[in-house]
C-alpha atoms as a PDB file:
ATOM      1  CA  UNK A   1       0.000   0.000   0.000  1.00  0.00           C
ATOM      2  CA  UNK A   2       2.929   2.340   0.633  1.00  0.00           C
ATOM      3  CA  UNK A   3       3.833   2.235  -3.062  1.00  0.00           C
ATOM      4  CA  UNK A   4       0.254   3.083  -4.021  1.00  0.00           C
ATOM      5  CA  UNK A   5       0.166   5.938  -1.508  1.00  0.00           C
ATOM      6  CA  UNK A   6       3.428   7.240  -2.948  1.00  0.00           C
ATOM      7  CA  UNK A   7       1.963   7.234  -6.475  1.00  0.00           C
ATOM      8  CA  UNK A   8      -1.131   9.081  -5.273  1.00  0.00           C
ATOM      9  CA  UNK A   9       0.994  11.705  -3.519  1.00  0.00           C
ATOM     10  CA  UNK A  10       2.547  12.869  -6.796  1.00  0.00           C
ATOM     11  CA  UNK A  11      -0.794  13.083  -8.627  1.00  0.00           C
ATOM     12  CA  UNK A  12      -2.210  16.642  -8.676  1.00  0.00           C
ATOM     13  CA  UNK A  13      -5.670  15.513  -7.600  1.00  0.00           C
ATOM     14  CA  UNK A  14      -7.236  17.191  -4.596  1.00  0.00           C
ATOM     15  CA  UNK A  15      -9.289  14.275  -3.312  1.00  0.00           C
ATOM     16  CA  UNK A  16      -6.220  12.020  -3.111  1.00  0.00           C
ATOM     17  CA  UNK A  17      -4.856  13.969  -0.151  1.00  0.00           C
ATOM     18  CA  UNK A  18      -6.976  11.684   2.042  1.00  0.00           C
ATOM     19  CA  UNK A  19      -5.946   8.089   2.702  1.00  0.00           C
ATOM     20  CA  UNK A  20      -9.536   6.819   2.529  1.00  0.00           C
ATOM     21  CA  UNK A  21      -9.861   8.268  -0.981  1.00  0.00           C
ATOM     22  CA  UNK A  22      -6.626   6.584  -2.015  1.00  0.00           C
ATOM     23  CA  UNK A  23      -8.006   3.284  -0.748  1.00  0.00           C
ATOM     24  CA  UNK A  24     -11.324   3.872  -2.516  1.00  0.00           C
ATOM     25  CA  UNK A  25      -9.594   4.686  -5.811  1.00  0.00           C
ATOM     26  CA  UNK A  26      -7.496   1.516  -5.664  1.00  0.00           C
ATOM     27  CA  UNK A  27     -10.637  -0.490  -4.880  1.00  0.00           C
ATOM     28  CA  UNK A  28     -12.329   1.061  -7.931  1.00  0.00           C
ATOM     29  CA  UNK A  29      -9.396   0.127 -10.162  1.00  0.00           C
ATOM     30  CA  UNK A  30      -9.757  -3.475  -8.994  1.00  0.00           C
ATOM     31  CA  UNK A  31     -13.538  -3.603  -9.083  1.00  0.00           C
ATOM     32  CA  UNK A  32     -13.884  -2.151 -12.597  1.00  0.00           C
ATOM     33  CA  UNK A  33     -12.354  -5.139 -14.442  1.00  0.00           C
ATOM     34  CA  UNK A  34     -13.948  -7.479 -11.890  1.00  0.00           C
ATOM     35  CA  UNK A  35     -17.476  -6.231 -12.565  1.00  0.00           C
ATOM     36  CA  UNK A  36     -16.788  -5.573 -16.240  1.00  0.00           C
ATOM     37  CA  UNK A  37     -15.762  -9.164 -16.986  1.00  0.00           C
ATOM     38  CA  UNK A  38     -18.376 -10.741 -14.746  1.00  0.00           C
ATOM     39  CA  UNK A  39     -21.031  -8.514 -16.310  1.00  0.00           C
ATOM     40  CA  UNK A  40     -20.349  -9.902 -19.790  1.00  0.00           C
ATOM     41  CA  UNK A  41     -20.851 -13.458 -18.559  1.00  0.00           C
ATOM     42  CA  UNK A  42     -23.977 -12.558 -16.589  1.00  0.00           C
ATOM     43  CA  UNK A  43     -25.636 -10.718 -19.487  1.00  0.00           C
ATOM     44  CA  UNK A  44     -24.621 -13.345 -22.052  1.00  0.00           C
ATOM     45  CA  UNK A  45     -25.792 -16.128 -19.757  1.00  0.00           C
ATOM     46  CA  UNK A  46     -29.096 -14.315 -19.103  1.00  0.00           C
ATOM     47  CA  UNK A  47     -28.478 -14.350 -15.350  1.00  0.00           C
ATOM     48  CA  UNK A  48     -29.134 -10.668 -14.611  1.00  0.00           C
ATOM     49  CA  UNK A  49     -31.972 -11.286 -12.173  1.00  0.00           C
ATOM     50  CA  UNK A  50     -30.073 -14.109 -10.512  1.00  0.00           C
ATOM     51  CA  UNK A  51     -27.299 -11.760  -9.361  1.00  0.00           C
ATOM     52  CA  UNK A  52     -29.980  -9.644  -7.688  1.00  0.00           C
ATOM     53  CA  UNK A  53     -31.425 -12.733  -5.990  1.00  0.00           C
ATOM     54  CA  UNK A  54     -27.956 -13.610  -4.712  1.00  0.00           C
ATOM     55  CA  UNK A  55     -27.680 -10.170  -3.165  1.00  0.00           C
ATOM     56  CA  UNK A  56     -30.853 -10.869  -1.235  1.00  0.00           C
ATOM     57  CA  UNK A  57     -29.503 -14.225  -0.101  1.00  0.00           C
ATOM     58  CA  UNK A  58     -26.319 -12.500   1.052  1.00  0.00           C
ATOM     59  CA  UNK A  59     -28.371 -10.201   3.258  1.00  0.00           C
ATOM     60  CA  UNK A  60     -30.032 -13.269   4.770  1.00  0.00           C
ATOM     61  CA  UNK A  61     -26.607 -14.790   5.395  1.00  0.00           C
ATOM     62  CA  UNK A  62     -25.466 -11.624   7.145  1.00  0.00           C
ATOM     63  CA  UNK A  63     -28.583 -11.680   9.328  1.00  0.00           C
ATOM     64  CA  UNK A  64     -27.881 -15.308  10.255  1.00  0.00           C
ATOM     65  CA  UNK A  65     -24.252 -14.495  11.035  1.00  0.00           C
ATOM     66  CA  UNK A  66     -25.221 -11.525  13.190  1.00  0.00           C
ATOM     67  CA  UNK A  67     -27.831 -13.428  15.207  1.00  0.00           C
ATOM     68  CA  UNK A  68     -25.325 -16.265  15.775  1.00  0.00           C
ATOM     69  CA  UNK A  69     -22.777 -13.766  17.076  1.00  0.00           C
ATOM     70  CA  UNK A  70     -20.258 -14.253  14.276  1.00  0.00           C
ATOM     71  CA  UNK A  71     -17.348 -11.824  14.455  1.00  0.00           C
ATOM     72  CA  UNK A  72     -17.400 -11.461  10.658  1.00  0.00           C
ATOM     73  CA  UNK A  73     -20.957 -12.157   9.406  1.00  0.00           C
ATOM     74  CA  UNK A  74     -19.854 -11.529   5.822  1.00  0.00           C
ATOM     75  CA  UNK A  75     -18.218 -14.987   5.743  1.00  0.00           C
ATOM     76  CA  UNK A  76     -21.440 -16.592   6.947  1.00  0.00           C
ATOM     77  CA  UNK A  77     -23.110 -14.712   4.086  1.00  0.00           C
ATOM     78  CA  UNK A  78     -20.591 -16.149   1.598  1.00  0.00           C
ATOM     79  CA  UNK A  79     -21.340 -19.691   2.752  1.00  0.00           C
ATOM     80  CA  UNK A  80     -25.099 -19.097   2.683  1.00  0.00           C
ATOM     81  CA  UNK A  81     -24.932 -17.538  -0.803  1.00  0.00           C
ATOM     82  CA  UNK A  82     -22.931 -20.479  -2.156  1.00  0.00           C
ATOM     83  CA  UNK A  83     -25.479 -22.923  -0.711  1.00  0.00           C
ATOM     84  CA  UNK A  84     -28.244 -20.755  -2.195  1.00  0.00           C
ATOM     85  CA  UNK A  85     -26.553 -20.847  -5.614  1.00  0.00           C
ATOM     86  CA  UNK A  86     -26.061 -24.617  -5.489  1.00  0.00           C
ATOM     87  CA  UNK A  87     -29.685 -25.143  -4.447  1.00  0.00           C
ATOM     88  CA  UNK A  88     -30.870 -22.936  -7.308  1.00  0.00           C
ATOM     89  CA  UNK A  89     -28.734 -24.877  -9.802  1.00  0.00           C
ATOM     90  CA  UNK A  90     -30.112 -28.172  -8.473  1.00  0.00           C
ATOM     91  CA  UNK A  91     -33.750 -27.057  -8.743  1.00  0.00           C
ATOM     92  CA  UNK A  92     -33.172 -25.458 -12.151  1.00  0.00           C
ATOM     93  CA  UNK A  93     -31.698 -28.666 -13.583  1.00  0.00           C
ATOM     94  CA  UNK A  94     -34.692 -30.676 -12.412  1.00  0.00           C
ATOM     95  CA  UNK A  95     -37.532 -28.301 -13.201  1.00  0.00           C
ATOM     96  CA  UNK A  96     -39.342 -27.329 -16.366  1.00  0.00           C
ATOM     97  CA  UNK A  97     -40.078 -23.881 -14.972  1.00  0.00           C
ATOM     98  CA  UNK A  98     -38.564 -20.851 -16.718  1.00  0.00           C
ATOM     99  CA  UNK A  99     -35.359 -19.526 -15.136  1.00  0.00           C
ATOM    100  CA  UNK A 100     -36.894 -16.123 -14.332  1.00  0.00           C
ATOM    101  CA  UNK A 101     -39.764 -17.848 -12.488  1.00  0.00           C
ATOM    102  CA  UNK A 102     -37.361 -19.851 -10.324  1.00  0.00           C
ATOM    103  CA  UNK A 103     -35.268 -16.754  -9.669  1.00  0.00           C
ATOM    104  CA  UNK A 104     -38.382 -14.902  -8.523  1.00  0.00           C
ATOM    105  CA  UNK A 105     -39.248 -17.738  -6.139  1.00  0.00           C
ATOM    106  CA  UNK A 106     -35.762 -17.865  -4.637  1.00  0.00           C
ATOM    107  CA  UNK A 107     -35.338 -14.088  -4.486  1.00  0.00           C
ATOM    108  CA  UNK A 108     -38.612 -13.329  -2.735  1.00  0.00           C
ATOM    109  CA  UNK A 109     -38.069 -16.066  -0.166  1.00  0.00           C
ATOM    110  CA  UNK A 110     -34.494 -14.947   0.489  1.00  0.00           C
ATOM    111  CA  UNK A 111     -35.669 -11.400   1.242  1.00  0.00           C
ATOM    112  CA  UNK A 112     -38.482 -12.603   3.495  1.00  0.00           C
ATOM    113  CA  UNK A 113     -36.175 -14.964   5.395  1.00  0.00           C
ATOM    114  CA  UNK A 114     -33.543 -12.245   5.869  1.00  0.00           C
ATOM    115  CA  UNK A 115     -36.030  -9.722   7.267  1.00  0.00           C
ATOM    116  CA  UNK A 116     -37.635 -12.412   9.454  1.00  0.00           C
ATOM    117  CA  UNK A 117     -34.293 -13.405  10.999  1.00  0.00           C
ATOM    118  CA  UNK A 118     -33.080  -9.811  11.410  1.00  0.00           C
ATOM    119  CA  UNK A 119     -36.268  -8.804  13.238  1.00  0.00           C
ATOM    120  CA  UNK A 120     -36.557 -11.834  15.527  1.00  0.00           C
ATOM    121  CA  UNK A 121     -37.441 -10.776  19.056  1.00  0.00           C
ATOM    122  CA  UNK A 122     -38.361  -7.283  17.972  1.00  0.00           C
ATOM    123  CA  UNK A 123     -34.928  -6.579  16.497  1.00  0.00           C
ATOM    124  CA  UNK A 124     -34.172  -4.149  13.708  1.00  0.00           C
ATOM    125  CA  UNK A 125     -32.069  -4.499  10.580  1.00  0.00           C
ATOM    126  CA  UNK A 126     -31.094  -0.814  10.552  1.00  0.00           C
ATOM    127  CA  UNK A 127     -27.719  -1.842  11.991  1.00  0.00           C
ATOM    128  CA  UNK A 128     -27.095  -3.637   8.707  1.00  0.00           C
ATOM    129  CA  UNK A 129     -27.838  -0.580   6.559  1.00  0.00           C
ATOM    130  CA  UNK A 130     -24.201  -0.449   5.479  1.00  0.00           C
ATOM    131  CA  UNK A 131     -24.802  -3.645   3.536  1.00  0.00           C
ATOM    132  CA  UNK A 132     -27.857  -2.148   1.851  1.00  0.00           C
ATOM    133  CA  UNK A 133     -26.250   1.157   0.885  1.00  0.00           C
ATOM    134  CA  UNK A 134     -22.547   0.298   0.886  1.00  0.00           C
ATOM    135  CA  UNK A 135     -19.584   2.533   1.610  1.00  0.00           C
ATOM    136  CA  UNK A 136     -16.561   2.161  -0.613  1.00  0.00           C
ATOM    137  CA  UNK A 137     -14.929   5.102   1.199  1.00  0.00           C
ATOM    138  CA  UNK A 138     -14.478   2.894   4.262  1.00  0.00           C
ATOM    139  CA  UNK A 139     -12.752   0.053   2.401  1.00  0.00           C
ATOM    140  CA  UNK A 140      -9.672  -1.231   4.265  1.00  0.00           C
ATOM    141  CA  UNK A 141      -6.308  -2.413   2.885  1.00  0.00           C
ATOM    142  CA  UNK A 142      -7.255  -5.980   3.898  1.00  0.00           C
ATOM    143  CA  UNK A 143     -10.466  -5.752   1.863  1.00  0.00           C
ATOM    144  CA  UNK A 144      -8.509  -4.344  -1.074  1.00  0.00           C
ATOM    145  CA  UNK A 145      -6.195  -7.346  -0.908  1.00  0.00           C
ATOM    146  CA  UNK A 146      -9.231  -9.628  -0.925  1.00  0.00           C
ATOM    147  CA  UNK A 147     -10.614  -7.773  -3.960  1.00  0.00           C
ATOM    148  CA  UNK A 148      -7.320  -8.361  -5.762  1.00  0.00           C
ATOM    149  CA  UNK A 149      -7.546 -12.101  -5.095  1.00  0.00           C
ATOM    150  CA  UNK A 150     -11.174 -12.201  -6.244  1.00  0.00           C
ATOM    151  CA  UNK A 151     -10.239 -10.309  -9.425  1.00  0.00           C
ATOM    152  CA  UNK A 152      -7.475 -12.809 -10.162  1.00  0.00           C
ATOM    153  CA  UNK A 153      -9.900 -15.698  -9.650  1.00  0.00           C
ATOM    154  CA  UNK A 154     -12.505 -14.083 -11.932  1.00  0.00           C
ATOM    155  CA  UNK A 155      -9.915 -13.504 -14.678  1.00  0.00           C
ATOM    156  CA  UNK A 156      -8.900 -17.184 -14.526  1.00  0.00           C
ATOM    157  CA  UNK A 157     -12.564 -18.203 -14.541  1.00  0.00           C
ATOM    158  CA  UNK A 158     -13.291 -15.874 -17.478  1.00  0.00           C
ATOM    159  CA  UNK A 159     -10.409 -17.323 -19.519  1.00  0.00           C
ATOM    160  CA  UNK A 160     -11.594 -20.895 -18.903  1.00  0.00           C
ATOM    161  CA  UNK A 161     -15.366 -20.549 -18.975  1.00  0.00           C
ATOM    162  CA  UNK A 162     -16.289 -17.443 -20.972  1.00  0.00           C
ATOM    163  CA  UNK A 163     -16.679 -19.172 -24.353  1.00  0.00           C
ATOM    164  CA  UNK A 164     -18.292 -22.227 -22.786  1.00  0.00           C
ATOM    165  CA  UNK A 165     -20.903 -20.117 -21.015  1.00  0.00           C
ATOM    166  CA  UNK A 166     -21.629 -18.144 -24.192  1.00  0.00           C
ATOM    167  CA  UNK A 167     -22.218 -21.321 -26.200  1.00  0.00           C
ATOM    168  CA  UNK A 168     -24.265 -22.824 -23.359  1.00  0.00           C
ATOM    169  CA  UNK A 169     -26.489 -19.744 -23.247  1.00  0.00           C
ATOM    170  CA  UNK A 170     -26.981 -19.646 -27.025  1.00  0.00           C
ATOM    171  CA  UNK A 171     -27.427 -23.364 -27.704  1.00  0.00           C
ATOM    172  CA  UNK A 172     -27.214 -25.788 -24.730  1.00  0.00           C
ATOM    173  CA  UNK A 173     -27.640 -28.869 -26.932  1.00  0.00           C
ATOM    174  CA  UNK A 174     -24.788 -27.829 -29.210  1.00  0.00           C
ATOM    175  CA  UNK A 175     -22.598 -27.096 -26.199  1.00  0.00           C
ATOM    176  CA  UNK A 176     -23.325 -30.537 -24.799  1.00  0.00           C
ATOM    177  CA  UNK A 177     -22.536 -32.184 -28.145  1.00  0.00           C
ATOM    178  CA  UNK A 178     -19.169 -30.393 -28.123  1.00  0.00           C
ATOM    179  CA  UNK A 179     -18.284 -32.088 -24.840  1.00  0.00           C
ATOM    180  CA  UNK A 180     -19.093 -29.120 -22.608  1.00  0.00           C
ATOM    181  CA  UNK A 181     -20.581 -30.180 -19.286  1.00  0.00           C
ATOM    182  CA  UNK A 182     -23.425 -27.666 -19.320  1.00  0.00           C
ATOM    183  CA  UNK A 183     -24.684 -28.375 -15.811  1.00  0.00           C
ATOM    184  CA  UNK A 184     -21.217 -28.141 -14.262  1.00  0.00           C
ATOM    185  CA  UNK A 185     -20.408 -24.901 -16.122  1.00  0.00           C
ATOM    186  CA  UNK A 186     -23.636 -23.268 -14.963  1.00  0.00           C
ATOM    187  CA  UNK A 187     -23.127 -24.437 -11.375  1.00  0.00           C
ATOM    188  CA  UNK A 188     -19.554 -23.132 -11.195  1.00  0.00           C
ATOM    189  CA  UNK A 189     -20.743 -19.855 -12.692  1.00  0.00           C
ATOM    190  CA  UNK A 190     -23.536 -19.409 -10.156  1.00  0.00           C
ATOM    191  CA  UNK A 191     -21.121 -20.096  -7.300  1.00  0.00           C
ATOM    192  CA  UNK A 192     -18.663 -17.532  -8.710  1.00  0.00           C
ATOM    193  CA  UNK A 193     -21.415 -14.906  -8.864  1.00  0.00           C
ATOM    194  CA  UNK A 194     -22.434 -15.762  -5.293  1.00  0.00           C
ATOM    195  CA  UNK A 195     -18.931 -15.195  -3.922  1.00  0.00           C
ATOM    196  CA  UNK A 196     -18.331 -11.924  -5.814  1.00  0.00           C
ATOM    197  CA  UNK A 197     -21.749 -10.481  -4.976  1.00  0.00           C
ATOM    198  CA  UNK A 198     -21.438 -11.289  -1.277  1.00  0.00           C
ATOM    199  CA  UNK A 199     -17.927  -9.928  -0.883  1.00  0.00           C
ATOM    200  CA  UNK A 200     -18.890  -6.714  -2.695  1.00  0.00           C
ATOM    201  CA  UNK A 201     -22.039  -5.673  -0.865  1.00  0.00           C
ATOM    202  CA  UNK A 202     -20.262  -3.917   2.015  1.00  0.00           C
ATOM    203  CA  UNK A 203     -18.428  -1.659  -0.469  1.00  0.00           C
ATOM    204  CA  UNK A 204     -21.096  -1.147  -3.120  1.00  0.00           C
ATOM    205  CA  UNK A 205     -24.376  -1.899  -1.381  1.00  0.00           C
ATOM    206  CA  UNK A 206     -27.066  -4.476  -2.005  1.00  0.00           C
ATOM    207  CA  UNK A 207     -29.580  -1.995  -3.413  1.00  0.00           C
ATOM    208  CA  UNK A 208     -27.408  -0.965  -6.370  1.00  0.00           C
ATOM    209  CA  UNK A 209     -25.056  -3.918  -6.775  1.00  0.00           C
ATOM    210  CA  UNK A 210     -27.088  -5.490  -9.549  1.00  0.00           C
ATOM    211  CA  UNK A 211     -26.750  -2.407 -11.749  1.00  0.00           C
ATOM    212  CA  UNK A 212     -22.966  -2.775 -11.602  1.00  0.00           C
ATOM    213  CA  UNK A 213     -23.282  -6.401 -12.673  1.00  0.00           C
ATOM    214  CA  UNK A 214     -25.601  -5.687 -15.598  1.00  0.00           C
ATOM    215  CA  UNK A 215     -25.107  -2.179 -16.998  1.00  0.00           C
ATOM    216  CA  UNK A 216     -21.433  -2.439 -18.117  1.00  0.00           C
ATOM    217  CA  UNK A 217     -22.144  -5.362 -20.458  1.00  0.00           C
ATOM    218  CA  UNK A 218     -25.584  -4.043 -21.438  1.00  0.00           C
ATOM    219  CA  UNK A 219     -23.955  -0.772 -22.516  1.00  0.00           C
ATOM    220  CA  UNK A 220     -21.155  -2.614 -24.305  1.00  0.00           C
ATOM    221  CA  UNK A 221     -23.656  -4.641 -26.343  1.00  0.00           C
ATOM    222  CA  UNK A 222     -25.060  -1.402 -27.718  1.00  0.00           C
ATOM    223  CA  UNK A 223     -21.807  -0.383 -29.383  1.00  0.00           C
ATOM    224  CA  UNK A 224     -19.592  -3.479 -29.688  1.00  0.00           C
ATOM    225  CA  UNK A 225     -19.158  -5.061 -33.120  1.00  0.00           C
ATOM    226  CA  UNK A 226     -17.511  -8.282 -31.939  1.00  0.00           C
ATOM    227  CA  UNK A 227     -16.796 -10.263 -28.768  1.00  0.00           C
ATOM    228  CA  UNK A 228     -13.422  -8.631 -28.214  1.00  0.00           C
ATOM    229  CA  UNK A 229     -14.991  -5.168 -28.246  1.00  0.00           C
ATOM    230  CA  UNK A 230     -17.836  -6.444 -26.087  1.00  0.00           C
ATOM    231  CA  UNK A 231     -15.520  -7.428 -23.234  1.00  0.00           C
ATOM    232  CA  UNK A 232     -13.235  -4.426 -23.694  1.00  0.00           C
ATOM    233  CA  UNK A 233     -16.069  -1.885 -23.656  1.00  0.00           C
ATOM    234  CA  UNK A 234     -17.657  -3.545 -20.631  1.00  0.00           C
ATOM    235  CA  UNK A 235     -14.469  -3.169 -18.584  1.00  0.00           C
ATOM    236  CA  UNK A 236     -13.903   0.353 -19.932  1.00  0.00           C
ATOM    237  CA  UNK A 237     -17.434   1.481 -19.065  1.00  0.00           C
ATOM    238  CA  UNK A 238     -17.112   0.005 -15.567  1.00  0.00           C
ATOM    239  CA  UNK A 239     -13.836   1.901 -15.101  1.00  0.00           C
ATOM    240  CA  UNK A 240     -15.256   5.205 -16.369  1.00  0.00           C
ATOM    241  CA  UNK A 241     -18.301   4.838 -14.126  1.00  0.00           C
ATOM    242  CA  UNK A 242     -16.162   3.951 -11.119  1.00  0.00           C
ATOM    243  CA  UNK A 243     -13.811   6.914 -11.505  1.00  0.00           C
ATOM    244  CA  UNK A 244     -16.627   9.296 -12.440  1.00  0.00           C
ATOM    245  CA  UNK A 245     -18.885   8.156  -9.609  1.00  0.00           C
ATOM    246  CA  UNK A 246     -16.096   8.407  -7.033  1.00  0.00           C
ATOM    247  CA  UNK A 247     -15.286  11.952  -8.173  1.00  0.00           C
ATOM    248  CA  UNK A 248     -18.945  13.013  -8.109  1.00  0.00           C
ATOM    249  CA  UNK A 249     -19.437  11.544  -4.639  1.00  0.00           C
ATOM    250  CA  UNK A 250     -16.401  13.416  -3.310  1.00  0.00           C
ATOM    251  CA  UNK A 251     -17.387  16.855  -4.586  1.00  0.00           C
ATOM    252  CA  UNK A 252     -21.141  16.530  -3.995  1.00  0.00           C
ATOM    253  CA  UNK A 253     -20.990  14.524  -0.776  1.00  0.00           C
ATOM    254  CA  UNK A 254     -23.198  11.705  -2.052  1.00  0.00           C
ATOM    255  CA  UNK A 255     -23.066   7.911  -1.813  1.00  0.00           C
ATOM    256  CA  UNK A 256     -20.231   6.646  -4.018  1.00  0.00           C
ATOM    257  CA  UNK A 257     -22.093   3.468  -4.950  1.00  0.00           C
ATOM    258  CA  UNK A 258     -25.189   5.386  -6.025  1.00  0.00           C
ATOM    259  CA  UNK A 259     -23.089   7.861  -8.030  1.00  0.00           C
ATOM    260  CA  UNK A 260     -21.315   5.004  -9.832  1.00  0.00           C
ATOM    261  CA  UNK A 261     -24.641   3.380 -10.644  1.00  0.00           C
ATOM    262  CA  UNK A 262     -26.056   6.627 -12.044  1.00  0.00           C
ATOM    263  CA  UNK A 263     -22.967   7.202 -14.205  1.00  0.00           C
ATOM    264  CA  UNK A 264     -23.419   3.682 -15.568  1.00  0.00           C
ATOM    265  CA  UNK A 265     -27.055   4.493 -16.355  1.00  0.00           C
ATOM    266  CA  UNK A 266     -25.899   7.593 -18.237  1.00  0.00           C
ATOM    267  CA  UNK A 267     -23.354   5.514 -20.174  1.00  0.00           C
ATOM    268  CA  UNK A 268     -26.093   3.077 -21.110  1.00  0.00           C
ATOM    269  CA  UNK A 269     -28.316   5.922 -22.349  1.00  0.00           C
ATOM    270  CA  UNK A 270     -25.500   7.371 -24.463  1.00  0.00           C
ATOM    271  CA  UNK A 271     -24.525   3.969 -25.866  1.00  0.00           C
ATOM    272  CA  UNK A 272     -28.162   3.267 -26.715  1.00  0.00           C
ATOM    273  CA  UNK A 273     -28.398   6.576 -28.554  1.00  0.00           C
ATOM    274  CA  UNK A 274     -25.227   5.758 -30.472  1.00  0.00           C
ATOM    275  CA  UNK A 275     -26.674   2.366 -31.395  1.00  0.00           C
ATOM    276  CA  UNK A 276     -29.740   4.054 -32.828  1.00  0.00           C
ATOM    277  CA  UNK A 277     -27.596   6.482 -34.799  1.00  0.00           C
ATOM    278  CA  UNK A 278     -25.374   3.708 -36.193  1.00  0.00           C
ATOM    279  CA  UNK A 279     -28.421   1.648 -37.092  1.00  0.00           C
END
């Protein structure tokens, strides 16, 4: 971290005079490619609503961890989210229901269970508001190190599974005939989303996390002409939104996560307009 702080010291940027802003900026630089790459797989795999459902399950896991007296309820949330993802994959593989229907069932029950547990005995979940809203300005060096490890894991996963997931989403039968284990690929993917979503909610916030997992790739699809551009634009848009949102939040005193989400929405609007013009 001392090297990063030294780099920030020589940059003529006012907000980088504060250590918490230096930490937040480094977190953004790690989260941009993380969300950008994961977004392409989520959008291509038509799992946008599932990432939102996982966020709800993470909140339930945090509530369970808190009521059990866990020192770090976020790790209980990770375990619960992984179990949730595996259960969803199991039910999905053995049901003829549409994926969005199953996601709705799991999501609504996860929210209800989380609120029920958090309010047992007349309790309140206001103490867990940081997980709903998020606060990237309070990110610690240890959390940044964890983000770096998660990013490395996602890059490895993207290299191995990106093409497989794309073919599985477009034509599952063809993917299976090519020797791709469709069920295993989808299960590993859902578990990967579960881990990333859960570890990110304290920094970004549950209420806006899904926009960061969907909008980068959705915007990229508006302007990309091939798969290479699709992934590149997704990461680029996530980076622009992260830097822009962090700057806006500093000068206007707003939530950084909300500002990032709104910048992403603006990018999507502009990319959609450009798509219409090019068409």
